[in-house]
């Protein structure tokens, strides 16, 4: 989150800003529980496995955004 603040990044939707207030360790525990749940298996893991092109595109765009923002700093 420090990178986001230093580079004037924007989060969307706005509710994601709550993650800037929560300690990283708590987020890690929460995500671990979520990914191990039935919901995580069905709607997160299975979707990512069935949509590899979409996952690659999201990865490319995310790291492209970081690279572009870093150049502007």
N, C-alpha and C. Protein backbone atom coordinates (compact mmCIF):
# COMPACT_ATOMS: atom_id res chain seq x y z
N UNK A 1 0.81 -1.20 0.00
CA UNK A 1 0.00 0.00 0.00
C UNK A 1 0.86 1.26 0.00
N UNK A 2 2.08 1.11 0.50
CA UNK A 2 2.98 2.26 0.49
C UNK A 2 3.25 2.71 -0.95
N UNK A 3 3.46 1.73 -1.84
CA UNK A 3 3.69 2.05 -3.24
C UNK A 3 2.51 2.83 -3.80
N UNK A 4 1.30 2.38 -3.48
CA UNK A 4 0.09 3.03 -3.97
C UNK A 4 0.04 4.49 -3.54
N UNK A 5 0.33 4.74 -2.27
CA UNK A 5 0.31 6.12 -1.76
C UNK A 5 1.41 6.96 -2.40
N UNK A 6 2.61 6.40 -2.53
CA UNK A 6 3.74 7.15 -3.09
C UNK A 6 3.57 7.47 -4.57
N UNK A 7 2.81 6.68 -5.28
CA UNK A 7 2.66 6.87 -6.71
C UNK A 7 1.27 7.34 -7.11
N UNK A 8 0.51 7.79 -6.15
CA UNK A 8 -0.82 8.34 -6.40
C UNK A 8 -1.71 7.38 -7.16
N UNK A 9 -1.59 6.10 -6.86
CA UNK A 9 -2.44 5.10 -7.50
C UNK A 9 -3.87 5.22 -6.98
N UNK A 10 -4.79 4.75 -7.76
CA UNK A 10 -6.21 4.79 -7.39
C UNK A 10 -6.74 3.37 -7.29
N UNK A 11 -7.55 3.12 -6.28
CA UNK A 11 -8.19 1.83 -6.13
C UNK A 11 -9.64 1.91 -6.59
N UNK A 12 -10.09 0.84 -7.20
CA UNK A 12 -11.47 0.79 -7.65
C UNK A 12 -11.96 -0.64 -7.47
N UNK A 13 -13.09 -0.83 -6.85
CA UNK A 13 -13.98 0.14 -6.24
C UNK A 13 -13.38 0.71 -4.95
N UNK A 14 -13.96 1.79 -4.51
CA UNK A 14 -13.42 2.54 -3.36
C UNK A 14 -13.36 1.71 -2.08
N UNK A 15 -14.21 0.68 -1.97
CA UNK A 15 -14.19 -0.13 -0.75
C UNK A 15 -12.85 -0.84 -0.56
N UNK A 16 -12.04 -0.95 -1.60
CA UNK A 16 -10.73 -1.57 -1.46
C UNK A 16 -9.77 -0.73 -0.62
N UNK A 17 -10.09 0.54 -0.40
CA UNK A 17 -9.25 1.37 0.45
C UNK A 17 -9.21 0.86 1.89
N UNK A 18 -10.21 0.05 2.28
CA UNK A 18 -10.19 -0.50 3.63
C UNK A 18 -8.94 -1.36 3.84
N UNK A 19 -8.41 -1.94 2.77
CA UNK A 19 -7.21 -2.75 2.89
C UNK A 19 -5.98 -1.92 3.26
N UNK A 20 -6.02 -0.62 3.03
CA UNK A 20 -4.90 0.23 3.42
C UNK A 20 -4.88 0.47 4.92
N UNK A 21 -5.99 0.20 5.59
CA UNK A 21 -6.10 0.42 7.03
C UNK A 21 -5.87 -0.84 7.86
N UNK A 22 -5.96 -2.00 7.21
CA UNK A 22 -5.86 -3.28 7.90
C UNK A 22 -4.41 -3.77 7.86
N UNK A 23 -3.89 -4.27 8.98
CA UNK A 23 -2.52 -4.81 8.97
C UNK A 23 -2.36 -5.96 7.96
N UNK A 24 -1.21 -6.01 7.30
CA UNK A 24 -0.96 -7.02 6.27
C UNK A 24 -1.17 -8.44 6.80
N UNK A 25 -0.75 -8.69 8.02
CA UNK A 25 -0.87 -10.04 8.59
C UNK A 25 -2.35 -10.45 8.67
N UNK A 26 -3.21 -9.53 9.05
CA UNK A 26 -4.63 -9.82 9.14
C UNK A 26 -5.22 -10.08 7.75
N UNK A 27 -4.78 -9.33 6.76
CA UNK A 27 -5.23 -9.55 5.39
C UNK A 27 -4.78 -10.94 4.92
N UNK A 28 -3.53 -11.30 5.22
CA UNK A 28 -3.01 -12.61 4.81
C UNK A 28 -3.82 -13.74 5.43
N UNK A 29 -4.15 -13.62 6.71
CA UNK A 29 -4.94 -14.65 7.39
C UNK A 29 -6.34 -14.73 6.76
N UNK A 30 -6.95 -13.58 6.53
CA UNK A 30 -8.28 -13.55 5.93
C UNK A 30 -8.31 -14.15 4.54
N UNK A 31 -7.32 -13.83 3.73
CA UNK A 31 -7.27 -14.38 2.38
C UNK A 31 -6.98 -15.89 2.40
N UNK A 32 -6.16 -16.32 3.33
CA UNK A 32 -5.89 -17.76 3.47
C UNK A 32 -7.18 -18.51 3.76
N UNK A 33 -7.95 -18.00 4.70
CA UNK A 33 -9.22 -18.63 5.05
C UNK A 33 -10.18 -18.61 3.85
N UNK A 34 -10.23 -17.49 3.15
CA UNK A 34 -11.12 -17.36 2.00
C UNK A 34 -10.74 -18.34 0.89
N UNK A 35 -9.44 -18.42 0.56
CA UNK A 35 -9.01 -19.31 -0.51
C UNK A 35 -9.22 -20.78 -0.17
N UNK A 36 -9.17 -21.13 1.11
CA UNK A 36 -9.37 -22.51 1.53
C UNK A 36 -10.85 -22.88 1.68
N UNK A 37 -11.72 -21.90 1.59
CA UNK A 37 -13.16 -22.15 1.77
C UNK A 37 -13.79 -22.69 0.49
N UNK A 38 -15.01 -23.15 0.61
CA UNK A 38 -15.79 -23.61 -0.55
C UNK A 38 -15.96 -22.46 -1.55
N UNK A 39 -16.23 -21.26 -1.04
CA UNK A 39 -16.37 -20.07 -1.89
C UNK A 39 -15.08 -19.84 -2.68
N UNK A 40 -13.95 -19.85 -1.98
CA UNK A 40 -12.67 -19.62 -2.64
C UNK A 40 -12.38 -20.66 -3.70
N UNK A 41 -12.68 -21.92 -3.38
CA UNK A 41 -12.45 -22.99 -4.35
C UNK A 41 -13.33 -22.82 -5.57
N UNK A 42 -14.58 -22.60 -5.35
CA UNK A 42 -15.54 -22.54 -6.45
C UNK A 42 -15.42 -21.27 -7.29
N UNK A 43 -15.36 -20.12 -6.64
CA UNK A 43 -15.46 -18.87 -7.38
C UNK A 43 -14.14 -18.17 -7.64
N UNK A 44 -13.09 -18.57 -6.97
CA UNK A 44 -11.80 -17.91 -7.21
C UNK A 44 -10.85 -18.87 -7.93
N UNK A 45 -10.55 -19.99 -7.30
CA UNK A 45 -9.60 -20.94 -7.88
C UNK A 45 -10.10 -21.51 -9.20
N UNK A 46 -11.30 -22.05 -9.19
CA UNK A 46 -11.82 -22.68 -10.42
C UNK A 46 -11.94 -21.68 -11.56
N UNK A 47 -12.37 -20.46 -11.23
CA UNK A 47 -12.49 -19.44 -12.28
C UNK A 47 -11.11 -19.13 -12.86
N UNK A 48 -10.12 -18.96 -11.99
CA UNK A 48 -8.79 -18.63 -12.50
C UNK A 48 -8.22 -19.75 -13.35
N UNK A 49 -8.52 -21.00 -13.01
CA UNK A 49 -8.04 -22.14 -13.79
C UNK A 49 -8.76 -22.26 -15.14
N UNK A 50 -10.00 -21.81 -15.20
CA UNK A 50 -10.76 -21.89 -16.45
C UNK A 50 -10.56 -20.67 -17.34
N UNK A 51 -9.92 -19.64 -16.81
CA UNK A 51 -9.75 -18.40 -17.57
C UNK A 51 -8.28 -17.97 -17.58
N UNK A 52 -7.37 -18.81 -18.07
CA UNK A 52 -5.95 -18.45 -18.02
C UNK A 52 -5.61 -17.21 -18.85
N UNK A 53 -6.29 -17.01 -19.97
CA UNK A 53 -6.02 -15.82 -20.78
C UNK A 53 -6.38 -14.55 -20.02
N UNK A 54 -7.52 -14.58 -19.33
CA UNK A 54 -7.95 -13.43 -18.54
C UNK A 54 -6.96 -13.16 -17.41
N UNK A 55 -6.48 -14.21 -16.76
CA UNK A 55 -5.52 -14.05 -15.65
C UNK A 55 -4.20 -13.46 -16.16
N UNK A 56 -3.74 -13.93 -17.33
CA UNK A 56 -2.50 -13.38 -17.92
C UNK A 56 -2.68 -11.91 -18.28
N UNK A 57 -3.86 -11.58 -18.81
CA UNK A 57 -4.12 -10.18 -19.18
C UNK A 57 -4.16 -9.28 -17.95
N UNK A 58 -4.81 -9.74 -16.88
CA UNK A 58 -4.83 -8.96 -15.64
C UNK A 58 -3.41 -8.78 -15.09
N UNK A 59 -2.62 -9.83 -15.13
CA UNK A 59 -1.23 -9.77 -14.68
C UNK A 59 -0.45 -8.75 -15.51
N UNK A 60 -0.58 -8.84 -16.83
CA UNK A 60 0.13 -7.92 -17.72
C UNK A 60 -0.27 -6.46 -17.47
N UNK A 61 -1.56 -6.22 -17.32
CA UNK A 61 -2.03 -4.85 -17.09
C UNK A 61 -1.58 -4.32 -15.73
N UNK A 62 -1.65 -5.16 -14.72
CA UNK A 62 -1.25 -4.72 -13.38
C UNK A 62 0.23 -4.33 -13.36
N UNK A 63 1.10 -5.19 -13.87
CA UNK A 63 2.52 -4.87 -13.85
C UNK A 63 2.86 -3.75 -14.83
N UNK A 64 2.10 -3.62 -15.91
CA UNK A 64 2.29 -2.48 -16.80
C UNK A 64 1.93 -1.17 -16.11
N UNK A 65 0.86 -1.21 -15.33
CA UNK A 65 0.45 -0.02 -14.57
C UNK A 65 1.54 0.37 -13.58
N UNK A 66 2.08 -0.60 -12.86
CA UNK A 66 3.13 -0.31 -11.89
C UNK A 66 4.36 0.27 -12.60
N UNK A 67 4.73 -0.32 -13.71
CA UNK A 67 5.90 0.16 -14.46
C UNK A 67 5.69 1.60 -14.94
N UNK A 68 4.51 1.88 -15.50
CA UNK A 68 4.21 3.23 -15.98
C UNK A 68 4.22 4.25 -14.85
N UNK A 69 3.63 3.89 -13.72
CA UNK A 69 3.58 4.81 -12.57
C UNK A 69 4.99 5.05 -12.01
N UNK A 70 5.83 4.03 -12.03
CA UNK A 70 7.18 4.16 -11.51
C UNK A 70 8.01 5.10 -12.37
N UNK A 71 7.78 5.08 -13.67
CA UNK A 71 8.50 5.98 -14.59
C UNK A 71 8.13 7.43 -14.34
N UNK A 72 6.87 7.68 -13.97
CA UNK A 72 6.38 9.04 -13.76
C UNK A 72 6.85 9.63 -12.43
N UNK A 73 7.30 8.79 -11.52
CA UNK A 73 7.70 9.26 -10.18
C UNK A 73 9.07 9.89 -10.19
